[in-house]
Structures are given as structure tokens and as C-alpha cells.
Amino acid sequence: MWWFLVVLPCFAQPSVADLLERDTIARLRQLDDSTEGVLGAAAIDLASGRRFAYHGDTLFPQASSIKIPILIEMYRAADAGRFRMSDTVTLKPEDMVGGSGHLKDTLKARPLTLTIRELVTAMMETSDNTATNQSIRMVGMDRVNATLAAFGFTHTRLQRVMLDSAAARRGEENISTPNEMSRIVEWIYRGRAAGEASTTEMIAIMKRVKAHFRKALPAGVEIASKPGGVPGVKCESGIVFLNNRPFIMSVMTTFVPAESTVVEQAALLIFRHFETLAKSNPYGHKVE
């Protein structure tokens, strides 16, 4: 009698954390399918290092979210001794750029002198386009992109100054992907984007930003982020300081109507994912 040993293939089974991520991605897909435009998102669990994404490697326009890499380059330049954040810069009325921001109100009447720290704070807190373009002049577009490339961010690029409509018509958008922008924010969080004091200050500035995420998440949760929006585009990337489970998320949309709230809806889905983890042990037992 012949006996045959049948060896069946053995495949690793997904963990409960894998399944939870799949469920969250499925909900993001349902949101994408049910609304006008397209959606991409990425998240990083800062407690475990796990990452997940939906359309994570797709290129999206960044609008004012591109100001995060500009902020990084400004602090790196200060760390390198090219200037001090306490140095001053004088803006003239001819430097004024329209769109978002508050500096133009003063510049309509007279020149304005600011510290460089005040300049970058204006760039982030009120998304001031005049401050942004002055920052780009100070560090150079090529240097921003060279730093991104040197650290492996191959898809994130600053390609035009703020409100350059002619460049936008040529398709010269400031671009990134959900995966890369979430990693860039993580780069700040972990103190790798610049010196420790500089990255701490960057986060403090980003906490002052009024953002889409704040509309979606509980009021007591601290957020450091930067939204962006131009006609047809809404996005945001930042850190959510959820107790016991801080995380980073990047949410990007394009081809969306002006009234779109997809960024907020996606942010809430991702928040609920991490809120579930924060209240549970690794096997899903709620132990709060």
C-alpha cells in the first residue's frame, strides 16, 4: 500500500490589524465612489509604525499644502546659518500677492518689516501667499526640490510660486502623493527634517493653523496640519495627537466641487480607525 503525503500550501493569515486596515480602506473606497471627484489618503500609526493608504502613490495637486516643504527648507537654511529666524525682512507693496493671507492688508498702504519667524508663521497660519513667495525667494525653489529628492521624496515637487495662473494653465502644479506627504510630515514629527528645536517650532506653528481636519475631529484633539485648496482641489496633511495613538494622515481630493466635504469625511473615517486602536488591545479587546 502506498501512502502519499499531501502537502497543502500554507498561506499566512491576515492579522486583526490587517483586517481593520482593510475595512478602513474599503470605507474610503465607498466614500470615493459615492462622491464627485477623486480621493487619495494615507496614514501612519506613530505608535506602531504601521502604514496604510488608498491611492497612496497617485499624484495630486497640493495647493497650499506644499507650504510644508517650504517651511522645512526655511528652517534648514536657518540651521545651516544662512540666516536667523530672528532676522528681519522688509516686504514692499510690489511684493504683494493676492489670495489667502493677511499681510496684503498692510502692504496696500506701506512696506512691512517682519522677522523671518513671523514670515513663516504667516505662510502657515493664514496661508499668506505673499509670505510664501518671499520664503521661496529666500531659499530657492531648486533647493526645496533638491532637499526633497535627497531624502527620497521623488514625487513631491514645488514647481511654481503662489497664484501663478499662467504656470497653472501650463500644468505646472505643486504636487505630491498621499504616501509622500504623510512621510514628509512624519519627517518633521520625528525630528529629522531639521534640528530638534526647529522641528519642534514647526509643529508649534502648524498647531495654529485653522484646518479642514478640525471641522471633522473632536474639539479636544490637538492637530498640527496644513490644508490646501484651489478651485477643484482640497487637501490636507498633518499630525493628529490622539491620546495613546498619535497618527499622521494625508487626505487629497481633486475634480471636486467647491462645496465638497470629502476631506473632512475621509479624515473622520481615518480618525475612527485610530480611535478604535487607542481603546483596544492588539486583539481588539476594548480595555479603556
C-alpha atoms as a PDB file:
ATOM      1  CA  MET A   1       0.000   0.000   0.000  1.00  0.00           C
ATOM      2  CA  TRP A   2       1.325   3.352  -0.978  1.00  0.00           C
ATOM      3  CA  TRP A   3       0.893   6.264   1.293  1.00  0.00           C
ATOM      4  CA  PHE A   4       1.075   9.732  -0.136  1.00  0.00           C
ATOM      5  CA  LEU A   5       1.867  12.788   1.890  1.00  0.00           C
ATOM      6  CA  VAL A   6      -0.135  15.646   0.516  1.00  0.00           C
ATOM      7  CA  VAL A   7       1.412  18.996   1.332  1.00  0.00           C
ATOM      8  CA  LEU A   8      -1.061  21.820   1.068  1.00  0.00           C
ATOM      9  CA  PRO A   9       0.216  25.353   0.564  1.00  0.00           C
ATOM     10  CA  CYS A  10       0.276  27.314   3.751  1.00  0.00           C
ATOM     11  CA  PHE A  11      -0.521  30.969   3.444  1.00  0.00           C
ATOM     12  CA  ALA A  12      -0.059  33.453   6.239  1.00  0.00           C
ATOM     13  CA  GLN A  13      -3.377  34.640   7.539  1.00  0.00           C
ATOM     14  CA  PRO A  14      -4.022  38.351   7.981  1.00  0.00           C
ATOM     15  CA  SER A  15      -3.834  39.730  11.485  1.00  0.00           C
ATOM     16  CA  VAL A  16      -6.780  41.517  13.027  1.00  0.00           C
ATOM     17  CA  ALA A  17      -4.856  44.780  12.481  1.00  0.00           C
ATOM     18  CA  ASP A  18      -4.587  43.915   8.770  1.00  0.00           C
ATOM     19  CA  LEU A  19      -8.329  43.295   8.601  1.00  0.00           C
ATOM     20  CA  LEU A  20      -9.130  46.557  10.391  1.00  0.00           C
ATOM     21  CA  GLU A  21      -6.997  48.441   7.864  1.00  0.00           C
ATOM     22  CA  ARG A  22      -8.769  46.668   5.009  1.00  0.00           C
ATOM     23  CA  ASP A  23     -12.109  47.733   6.434  1.00  0.00           C
ATOM     24  CA  THR A  24     -10.981  51.360   6.696  1.00  0.00           C
ATOM     25  CA  ILE A  25      -9.651  51.330   3.132  1.00  0.00           C
ATOM     26  CA  ALA A  26     -12.967  49.833   1.972  1.00  0.00           C
ATOM     27  CA  ARG A  27     -14.831  52.693   3.655  1.00  0.00           C
ATOM     28  CA  LEU A  28     -12.559  55.201   1.943  1.00  0.00           C
ATOM     29  CA  ARG A  29     -13.291  53.497  -1.366  1.00  0.00           C
ATOM     30  CA  GLN A  30     -17.033  53.691  -0.697  1.00  0.00           C
ATOM     31  CA  LEU A  31     -16.685  57.414   0.066  1.00  0.00           C
ATOM     32  CA  ASP A  32     -14.716  57.914  -3.146  1.00  0.00           C
ATOM     33  CA  ASP A  33     -17.294  56.010  -5.188  1.00  0.00           C
ATOM     34  CA  SER A  34     -20.220  57.909  -3.709  1.00  0.00           C
ATOM     35  CA  THR A  35     -18.945  61.465  -4.224  1.00  0.00           C
ATOM     36  CA  GLU A  36     -17.866  63.651  -7.099  1.00  0.00           C
ATOM     37  CA  GLY A  37     -14.147  63.814  -7.849  1.00  0.00           C
ATOM     38  CA  VAL A  38     -11.332  61.518  -6.769  1.00  0.00           C
ATOM     39  CA  LEU A  39      -9.773  60.770  -3.395  1.00  0.00           C
ATOM     40  CA  GLY A  40      -6.430  59.617  -2.064  1.00  0.00           C
ATOM     41  CA  ALA A  41      -5.358  59.120   1.533  1.00  0.00           C
ATOM     42  CA  ALA A  42      -2.514  57.752   3.618  1.00  0.00           C
ATOM     43  CA  ALA A  43      -1.979  57.243   7.328  1.00  0.00           C
ATOM     44  CA  ILE A  44       0.938  56.409   9.601  1.00  0.00           C
ATOM     45  CA  ASP A  45       0.457  54.980  13.085  1.00  0.00           C
ATOM     46  CA  LEU A  46       3.095  56.802  15.131  1.00  0.00           C
ATOM     47  CA  ALA A  47       2.799  54.261  17.937  1.00  0.00           C
ATOM     48  CA  SER A  48       3.418  51.118  15.865  1.00  0.00           C
ATOM     49  CA  GLY A  49       4.872  52.437  12.612  1.00  0.00           C
ATOM     50  CA  ARG A  50       2.189  50.708  10.538  1.00  0.00           C
ATOM     51  CA  ARG A  51       1.051  52.475   7.370  1.00  0.00           C
ATOM     52  CA  PHE A  52      -1.891  52.128   5.060  1.00  0.00           C
ATOM     53  CA  ALA A  53      -3.139  54.051   2.072  1.00  0.00           C
ATOM     54  CA  TYR A  54      -5.845  54.387  -0.538  1.00  0.00           C
ATOM     55  CA  HIS A  55      -4.490  55.606  -3.890  1.00  0.00           C
ATOM     56  CA  GLY A  56      -1.384  56.390  -1.861  1.00  0.00           C
ATOM     57  CA  ASP A  57       1.037  56.743  -4.776  1.00  0.00           C
ATOM     58  CA  THR A  58      -1.208  58.838  -7.021  1.00  0.00           C
ATOM     59  CA  LEU A  59      -0.014  62.374  -7.769  1.00  0.00           C
ATOM     60  CA  PHE A  60      -2.351  65.112  -6.543  1.00  0.00           C
ATOM     61  CA  PRO A  61      -2.067  68.916  -6.683  1.00  0.00           C
ATOM     62  CA  GLN A  62      -1.142  70.283  -3.265  1.00  0.00           C
ATOM     63  CA  ALA A  63      -2.342  73.880  -3.328  1.00  0.00           C
ATOM     64  CA  SER A  64      -1.165  75.401  -0.019  1.00  0.00           C
ATOM     65  CA  SER A  65      -0.132  72.064   1.496  1.00  0.00           C
ATOM     66  CA  ILE A  66       3.106  72.477  -0.484  1.00  0.00           C
ATOM     67  CA  LYS A  67       3.990  75.121   2.085  1.00  0.00           C
ATOM     68  CA  ILE A  68       5.062  72.282   4.410  1.00  0.00           C
ATOM     69  CA  PRO A  69       8.225  71.523   2.373  1.00  0.00           C
ATOM     70  CA  ILE A  70       8.891  75.273   2.062  1.00  0.00           C
ATOM     71  CA  LEU A  71       8.648  75.598   5.864  1.00  0.00           C
ATOM     72  CA  ILE A  72      11.138  72.747   6.236  1.00  0.00           C
ATOM     73  CA  GLU A  73      13.622  74.381   3.869  1.00  0.00           C
ATOM     74  CA  MET A  74      13.378  77.718   5.673  1.00  0.00           C
ATOM     75  CA  TYR A  75      14.290  76.092   8.993  1.00  0.00           C
ATOM     76  CA  ARG A  76      17.038  74.013   7.404  1.00  0.00           C
ATOM     77  CA  ALA A  77      18.528  77.221   5.989  1.00  0.00           C
ATOM     78  CA  ALA A  78      18.407  78.815   9.446  1.00  0.00           C
ATOM     79  CA  ASP A  79      20.035  75.731  10.988  1.00  0.00           C
ATOM     80  CA  ALA A  80      22.780  75.981   8.341  1.00  0.00           C
ATOM     81  CA  GLY A  81      23.473  79.596   9.326  1.00  0.00           C
ATOM     82  CA  ARG A  82      22.227  81.238   6.136  1.00  0.00           C
ATOM     83  CA  PHE A  83      20.052  83.481   8.308  1.00  0.00           C
ATOM     84  CA  ARG A  84      18.489  83.533  11.768  1.00  0.00           C
ATOM     85  CA  MET A  85      14.772  83.249  12.353  1.00  0.00           C
ATOM     86  CA  SER A  86      15.026  86.478  14.338  1.00  0.00           C
ATOM     87  CA  ASP A  87      16.464  88.360  11.333  1.00  0.00           C
ATOM     88  CA  THR A  88      14.103  90.781   9.628  1.00  0.00           C
ATOM     89  CA  VAL A  89      12.861  91.125   6.070  1.00  0.00           C
ATOM     90  CA  THR A  90      11.006  94.094   4.616  1.00  0.00           C
ATOM     91  CA  LEU A  91       8.162  93.481   2.183  1.00  0.00           C
ATOM     92  CA  LYS A  92       7.144  96.227  -0.220  1.00  0.00           C
ATOM     93  CA  PRO A  93       3.731  96.863  -1.776  1.00  0.00           C
ATOM     94  CA  GLU A  94       5.001  95.484  -5.090  1.00  0.00           C
ATOM     95  CA  ASP A  95       5.706  92.159  -3.336  1.00  0.00           C
ATOM     96  CA  MET A  96       2.022  91.739  -2.512  1.00  0.00           C
ATOM     97  CA  VAL A  97       0.269  88.597  -3.765  1.00  0.00           C
ATOM     98  CA  GLY A  98      -3.489  88.123  -3.701  1.00  0.00           C
ATOM     99  CA  GLY A  99      -5.445  85.170  -2.395  1.00  0.00           C
ATOM    100  CA  SER A 100      -5.148  83.926   1.160  1.00  0.00           C
ATOM    101  CA  GLY A 101      -3.286  85.719   3.912  1.00  0.00           C
ATOM    102  CA  HIS A 102      -3.380  88.903   5.945  1.00  0.00           C
ATOM    103  CA  LEU A 103      -0.161  90.742   5.018  1.00  0.00           C
ATOM    104  CA  LYS A 104      -1.685  92.269   1.894  1.00  0.00           C
ATOM    105  CA  ASP A 105      -3.964  94.418   4.035  1.00  0.00           C
ATOM    106  CA  THR A 106      -0.948  96.306   5.395  1.00  0.00           C
ATOM    107  CA  LEU A 107       1.057  96.188   2.168  1.00  0.00           C
ATOM    108  CA  LYS A 108      -1.682  98.042   0.308  1.00  0.00           C
ATOM    109  CA  ALA A 109      -0.647 101.110   2.296  1.00  0.00           C
ATOM    110  CA  ARG A 110       3.025 100.752   3.184  1.00  0.00           C
ATOM    111  CA  PRO A 111       6.085  98.481   3.457  1.00  0.00           C
ATOM    112  CA  LEU A 112       6.066  95.921   6.239  1.00  0.00           C
ATOM    113  CA  THR A 113       9.026  94.599   8.229  1.00  0.00           C
ATOM    114  CA  LEU A 114       8.773  91.153   9.813  1.00  0.00           C
ATOM    115  CA  THR A 115      11.107  88.692  11.441  1.00  0.00           C
ATOM    116  CA  ILE A 116      11.661  85.573   9.378  1.00  0.00           C
ATOM    117  CA  ARG A 117       9.872  83.633  12.112  1.00  0.00           C
ATOM    118  CA  GLU A 118       6.845  85.909  11.661  1.00  0.00           C
ATOM    119  CA  LEU A 119       7.127  85.458   7.897  1.00  0.00           C
ATOM    120  CA  VAL A 120       6.940  81.648   8.011  1.00  0.00           C
ATOM    121  CA  THR A 121       4.220  81.775  10.654  1.00  0.00           C
ATOM    122  CA  ALA A 122       2.134  83.947   8.315  1.00  0.00           C
ATOM    123  CA  MET A 123       2.821  81.489   5.492  1.00  0.00           C
ATOM    124  CA  MET A 124       1.368  78.658   7.558  1.00  0.00           C
ATOM    125  CA  GLU A 125      -1.166  80.159   9.979  1.00  0.00           C
ATOM    126  CA  THR A 126      -3.125  82.296   7.498  1.00  0.00           C
ATOM    127  CA  SER A 127      -1.607  80.633   4.414  1.00  0.00           C
ATOM    128  CA  ASP A 128      -0.288  84.021   3.362  1.00  0.00           C
ATOM    129  CA  ASN A 129       0.784  83.899  -0.279  1.00  0.00           C
ATOM    130  CA  THR A 130       2.985  86.994  -0.069  1.00  0.00           C
ATOM    131  CA  ALA A 131       4.922  85.408   2.803  1.00  0.00           C
ATOM    132  CA  THR A 132       5.143  82.165   0.851  1.00  0.00           C
ATOM    133  CA  ASN A 133       6.617  83.744  -2.248  1.00  0.00           C
ATOM    134  CA  GLN A 134       9.124  85.697  -0.149  1.00  0.00           C
ATOM    135  CA  SER A 135      10.149  82.430   1.532  1.00  0.00           C
ATOM    136  CA  ILE A 136      10.619  80.802  -1.871  1.00  0.00           C
ATOM    137  CA  ARG A 137      12.810  83.725  -2.954  1.00  0.00           C
ATOM    138  CA  MET A 138      14.923  83.346   0.178  1.00  0.00           C
ATOM    139  CA  VAL A 139      15.680  79.624  -0.097  1.00  0.00           C
ATOM    140  CA  GLY A 140      15.098  78.966  -3.800  1.00  0.00           C
ATOM    141  CA  MET A 141      12.697  76.582  -5.475  1.00  0.00           C
ATOM    142  CA  ASP A 142      15.575  74.373  -6.641  1.00  0.00           C
ATOM    143  CA  ARG A 143      16.871  73.973  -3.097  1.00  0.00           C
ATOM    144  CA  VAL A 144      13.431  72.933  -1.810  1.00  0.00           C
ATOM    145  CA  ASN A 145      13.237  70.267  -4.504  1.00  0.00           C
ATOM    146  CA  ALA A 146      16.849  69.159  -4.018  1.00  0.00           C
ATOM    147  CA  THR A 147      16.222  68.533  -0.313  1.00  0.00           C
ATOM    148  CA  LEU A 148      13.078  66.551  -1.113  1.00  0.00           C
ATOM    149  CA  ALA A 149      14.979  64.448  -3.653  1.00  0.00           C
ATOM    150  CA  ALA A 150      17.933  63.880  -1.308  1.00  0.00           C
ATOM    151  CA  PHE A 151      15.636  62.354   1.294  1.00  0.00           C
ATOM    152  CA  GLY A 152      13.840  60.103  -1.172  1.00  0.00           C
ATOM    153  CA  PHE A 153      10.716  62.137  -1.847  1.00  0.00           C
ATOM    154  CA  THR A 154      10.814  61.639  -5.582  1.00  0.00           C
ATOM    155  CA  HIS A 155       7.277  62.769  -6.438  1.00  0.00           C
ATOM    156  CA  THR A 156       6.842  65.881  -4.280  1.00  0.00           C
ATOM    157  CA  ARG A 157       7.815  68.992  -6.206  1.00  0.00           C
ATOM    158  CA  LEU A 158       7.477  72.757  -5.849  1.00  0.00           C
ATOM    159  CA  GLN A 159       7.016  73.904  -9.451  1.00  0.00           C
ATOM    160  CA  ARG A 160       5.560  77.386  -9.244  1.00  0.00           C
ATOM    161  CA  VAL A 161       5.063  80.319  -6.892  1.00  0.00           C
ATOM    162  CA  MET A 162       1.672  81.153  -5.438  1.00  0.00           C
ATOM    163  CA  LEU A 163      -1.054  82.373  -7.767  1.00  0.00           C
ATOM    164  CA  ASP A 164       0.963  81.963 -10.977  1.00  0.00           C
ATOM    165  CA  SER A 165      -2.082  81.381 -13.166  1.00  0.00           C
ATOM    166  CA  ALA A 166      -0.062  81.102 -16.364  1.00  0.00           C
ATOM    167  CA  ALA A 167       2.039  78.302 -14.868  1.00  0.00           C
ATOM    168  CA  ALA A 168      -1.098  76.555 -13.630  1.00  0.00           C
ATOM    169  CA  ARG A 169      -2.577  76.675 -17.135  1.00  0.00           C
ATOM    170  CA  ARG A 170       0.629  75.027 -18.406  1.00  0.00           C
ATOM    171  CA  GLY A 171       0.094  72.225 -15.874  1.00  0.00           C
ATOM    172  CA  GLU A 172       2.940  73.318 -13.603  1.00  0.00           C
ATOM    173  CA  GLU A 173       1.306  72.313 -10.354  1.00  0.00           C
ATOM    174  CA  ASN A 174       2.860  71.854  -6.932  1.00  0.00           C
ATOM    175  CA  ILE A 175       2.430  68.120  -6.473  1.00  0.00           C
ATOM    176  CA  SER A 176       2.818  65.197  -4.107  1.00  0.00           C
ATOM    177  CA  THR A 177       1.226  61.870  -3.203  1.00  0.00           C
ATOM    178  CA  PRO A 178      -0.605  60.868  -0.021  1.00  0.00           C
ATOM    179  CA  ASN A 179       2.209  58.483   0.886  1.00  0.00           C
ATOM    180  CA  GLU A 180       4.968  61.033   0.383  1.00  0.00           C
ATOM    181  CA  MET A 181       3.255  63.904   2.121  1.00  0.00           C
ATOM    182  CA  SER A 182       2.470  61.739   5.128  1.00  0.00           C
ATOM    183  CA  ARG A 183       6.142  60.701   5.257  1.00  0.00           C
ATOM    184  CA  ILE A 184       7.251  64.345   5.000  1.00  0.00           C
ATOM    185  CA  VAL A 185       5.073  65.208   7.997  1.00  0.00           C
ATOM    186  CA  GLU A 186       6.484  62.182   9.838  1.00  0.00           C
ATOM    187  CA  TRP A 187       9.948  63.527   8.992  1.00  0.00           C
ATOM    188  CA  ILE A 188       9.031  66.668  10.953  1.00  0.00           C
ATOM    189  CA  TYR A 189       7.413  64.744  13.830  1.00  0.00           C
ATOM    190  CA  ARG A 190      10.464  62.527  14.347  1.00  0.00           C
ATOM    191  CA  GLY A 191      12.862  65.483  14.276  1.00  0.00           C
ATOM    192  CA  ARG A 192      14.599  64.526  11.030  1.00  0.00           C
ATOM    193  CA  ALA A 193      13.518  67.409   8.802  1.00  0.00           C
ATOM    194  CA  ALA A 194      15.817  69.876  10.579  1.00  0.00           C
ATOM    195  CA  GLY A 195      17.329  70.374  14.022  1.00  0.00           C
ATOM    196  CA  GLU A 196      15.338  69.321  17.070  1.00  0.00           C
ATOM    197  CA  ALA A 197      14.497  72.871  18.121  1.00  0.00           C
ATOM    198  CA  SER A 198      13.486  73.733  14.556  1.00  0.00           C
ATOM    199  CA  THR A 199      11.159  70.763  14.102  1.00  0.00           C
ATOM    200  CA  THR A 200       9.581  71.464  17.494  1.00  0.00           C
ATOM    201  CA  GLU A 201       8.917  75.032  16.359  1.00  0.00           C
ATOM    202  CA  MET A 202       7.495  73.848  13.023  1.00  0.00           C
ATOM    203  CA  ILE A 203       4.972  71.664  14.822  1.00  0.00           C
ATOM    204  CA  ALA A 204       4.018  74.539  17.124  1.00  0.00           C
ATOM    205  CA  ILE A 205       3.348  76.747  14.087  1.00  0.00           C
ATOM    206  CA  MET A 206       1.301  74.024  12.374  1.00  0.00           C
ATOM    207  CA  LYS A 207      -0.836  73.661  15.504  1.00  0.00           C
ATOM    208  CA  ARG A 208      -2.019  77.249  14.983  1.00  0.00           C
ATOM    209  CA  VAL A 209      -3.447  76.544  11.514  1.00  0.00           C
ATOM    210  CA  LYS A 210      -7.218  76.539  11.059  1.00  0.00           C
ATOM    211  CA  ALA A 211      -7.750  73.366   9.087  1.00  0.00           C
ATOM    212  CA  HIS A 212     -10.316  71.073   7.492  1.00  0.00           C
ATOM    213  CA  PHE A 213      -9.398  68.306   9.942  1.00  0.00           C
ATOM    214  CA  ARG A 214     -10.567  70.438  12.891  1.00  0.00           C
ATOM    215  CA  LYS A 215     -14.083  70.536  11.442  1.00  0.00           C
ATOM    216  CA  ALA A 216     -14.255  66.737  11.412  1.00  0.00           C
ATOM    217  CA  LEU A 217     -12.488  65.647  14.593  1.00  0.00           C
ATOM    218  CA  PRO A 218     -13.436  66.089  18.271  1.00  0.00           C
ATOM    219  CA  ALA A 219     -12.654  69.537  19.647  1.00  0.00           C
ATOM    220  CA  GLY A 220     -10.284  68.275  22.326  1.00  0.00           C
ATOM    221  CA  VAL A 221      -7.916  66.538  19.912  1.00  0.00           C
ATOM    222  CA  GLU A 222      -4.787  68.552  19.096  1.00  0.00           C
ATOM    223  CA  ILE A 223      -3.843  68.802  15.417  1.00  0.00           C
ATOM    224  CA  ALA A 224      -0.782  70.177  13.570  1.00  0.00           C
ATOM    225  CA  SER A 225      -1.530  70.350   9.868  1.00  0.00           C
ATOM    226  CA  LYS A 226      -1.670  72.392   6.677  1.00  0.00           C
ATOM    227  CA  PRO A 227      -4.652  72.354   4.328  1.00  0.00           C
ATOM    228  CA  GLY A 228      -4.682  73.420   0.726  1.00  0.00           C
ATOM    229  CA  GLY A 229      -7.374  74.473  -1.673  1.00  0.00           C
ATOM    230  CA  VAL A 230      -7.711  75.905  -5.167  1.00  0.00           C
ATOM    231  CA  PRO A 231     -10.718  75.573  -7.490  1.00  0.00           C
ATOM    232  CA  GLY A 232     -11.352  71.857  -7.910  1.00  0.00           C
ATOM    233  CA  VAL A 233      -8.809  70.830  -5.254  1.00  0.00           C
ATOM    234  CA  LYS A 234      -8.923  70.310  -1.486  1.00  0.00           C
ATOM    235  CA  CYS A 235      -6.308  68.525   0.595  1.00  0.00           C
ATOM    236  CA  GLU A 236      -4.618  68.429   3.986  1.00  0.00           C
ATOM    237  CA  SER A 237      -1.689  66.718   5.681  1.00  0.00           C
ATOM    238  CA  GLY A 238      -0.783  66.718   9.345  1.00  0.00           C
ATOM    239  CA  ILE A 239      -0.375  65.128  12.748  1.00  0.00           C
ATOM    240  CA  VAL A 240      -3.289  64.141  14.982  1.00  0.00           C
ATOM    241  CA  PHE A 241      -2.248  63.949  18.637  1.00  0.00           C
ATOM    242  CA  LEU A 242      -4.816  61.351  19.691  1.00  0.00           C
ATOM    243  CA  ASN A 243      -4.195  60.157  23.253  1.00  0.00           C
ATOM    244  CA  ASN A 244      -2.390  56.797  23.244  1.00  0.00           C
ATOM    245  CA  ARG A 245      -2.414  56.665  19.432  1.00  0.00           C
ATOM    246  CA  PRO A 246      -0.950  59.700  17.644  1.00  0.00           C
ATOM    247  CA  PHE A 247      -1.008  59.381  13.887  1.00  0.00           C
ATOM    248  CA  ILE A 248      -0.356  61.203  10.661  1.00  0.00           C
ATOM    249  CA  MET A 249      -2.804  61.456   7.806  1.00  0.00           C
ATOM    250  CA  SER A 250      -2.796  62.974   4.354  1.00  0.00           C
ATOM    251  CA  VAL A 251      -6.089  63.358   2.522  1.00  0.00           C
ATOM    252  CA  MET A 252      -6.167  64.638  -1.044  1.00  0.00           C
ATOM    253  CA  THR A 253      -9.025  65.303  -3.458  1.00  0.00           C
ATOM    254  CA  THR A 254      -9.291  66.769  -6.920  1.00  0.00           C
ATOM    255  CA  PHE A 255     -12.009  67.349  -9.528  1.00  0.00           C
ATOM    256  CA  VAL A 256     -14.251  68.226  -6.568  1.00  0.00           C
ATOM    257  CA  PRO A 257     -16.961  70.915  -6.351  1.00  0.00           C
ATOM    258  CA  ALA A 258     -16.430  73.977  -4.176  1.00  0.00           C
ATOM    259  CA  GLU A 259     -18.811  72.669  -1.512  1.00  0.00           C
ATOM    260  CA  SER A 260     -17.061  69.300  -1.211  1.00  0.00           C
ATOM    261  CA  THR A 261     -16.526  67.960   2.311  1.00  0.00           C
ATOM    262  CA  VAL A 262     -14.759  64.768   1.224  1.00  0.00           C
ATOM    263  CA  VAL A 263     -11.545  65.742   3.036  1.00  0.00           C
ATOM    264  CA  GLU A 264     -13.429  66.082   6.310  1.00  0.00           C
ATOM    265  CA  GLN A 265     -15.369  62.850   5.742  1.00  0.00           C
ATOM    266  CA  ALA A 266     -12.219  60.873   4.934  1.00  0.00           C
ATOM    267  CA  ALA A 267     -10.427  62.389   7.927  1.00  0.00           C
ATOM    268  CA  LEU A 268     -13.223  61.227  10.214  1.00  0.00           C
ATOM    269  CA  LEU A 269     -13.038  57.678   8.817  1.00  0.00           C
ATOM    270  CA  ILE A 270      -9.312  57.558   9.464  1.00  0.00           C
ATOM    271  CA  PHE A 271      -9.715  59.098  12.913  1.00  0.00           C
ATOM    272  CA  ARG A 272     -12.266  56.437  13.867  1.00  0.00           C
ATOM    273  CA  HIS A 273      -9.768  53.767  12.798  1.00  0.00           C
ATOM    274  CA  PHE A 274      -7.146  55.096  15.214  1.00  0.00           C
ATOM    275  CA  GLU A 275      -9.690  55.835  17.926  1.00  0.00           C
ATOM    276  CA  THR A 276     -10.641  52.152  17.803  1.00  0.00           C
ATOM    277  CA  LEU A 277      -6.984  51.154  18.174  1.00  0.00           C
ATOM    278  CA  ALA A 278      -6.488  53.618  21.038  1.00  0.00           C
ATOM    279  CA  LYS A 279      -9.298  51.997  23.018  1.00  0.00           C
ATOM    280  CA  SER A 280      -8.297  48.382  22.371  1.00  0.00           C
ATOM    281  CA  ASN A 281      -5.509  45.919  22.977  1.00  0.00           C
ATOM    282  CA  PRO A 282      -3.749  44.391  19.908  1.00  0.00           C
ATOM    283  CA  TYR A 283      -6.533  41.794  19.580  1.00  0.00           C
ATOM    284  CA  GLY A 284      -9.404  44.270  19.645  1.00  0.00           C
ATOM    285  CA  HIS A 285     -10.428  43.801  23.279  1.00  0.00           C
ATOM    286  CA  LYS A 286     -11.632  47.233  24.458  1.00  0.00           C
ATOM    287  CA  VAL A 287      -9.676  47.903  27.594  1.00  0.00           C
ATOM    288  CA  GLU A 288     -10.158  51.629  28.275  1.00  0.00           C
END
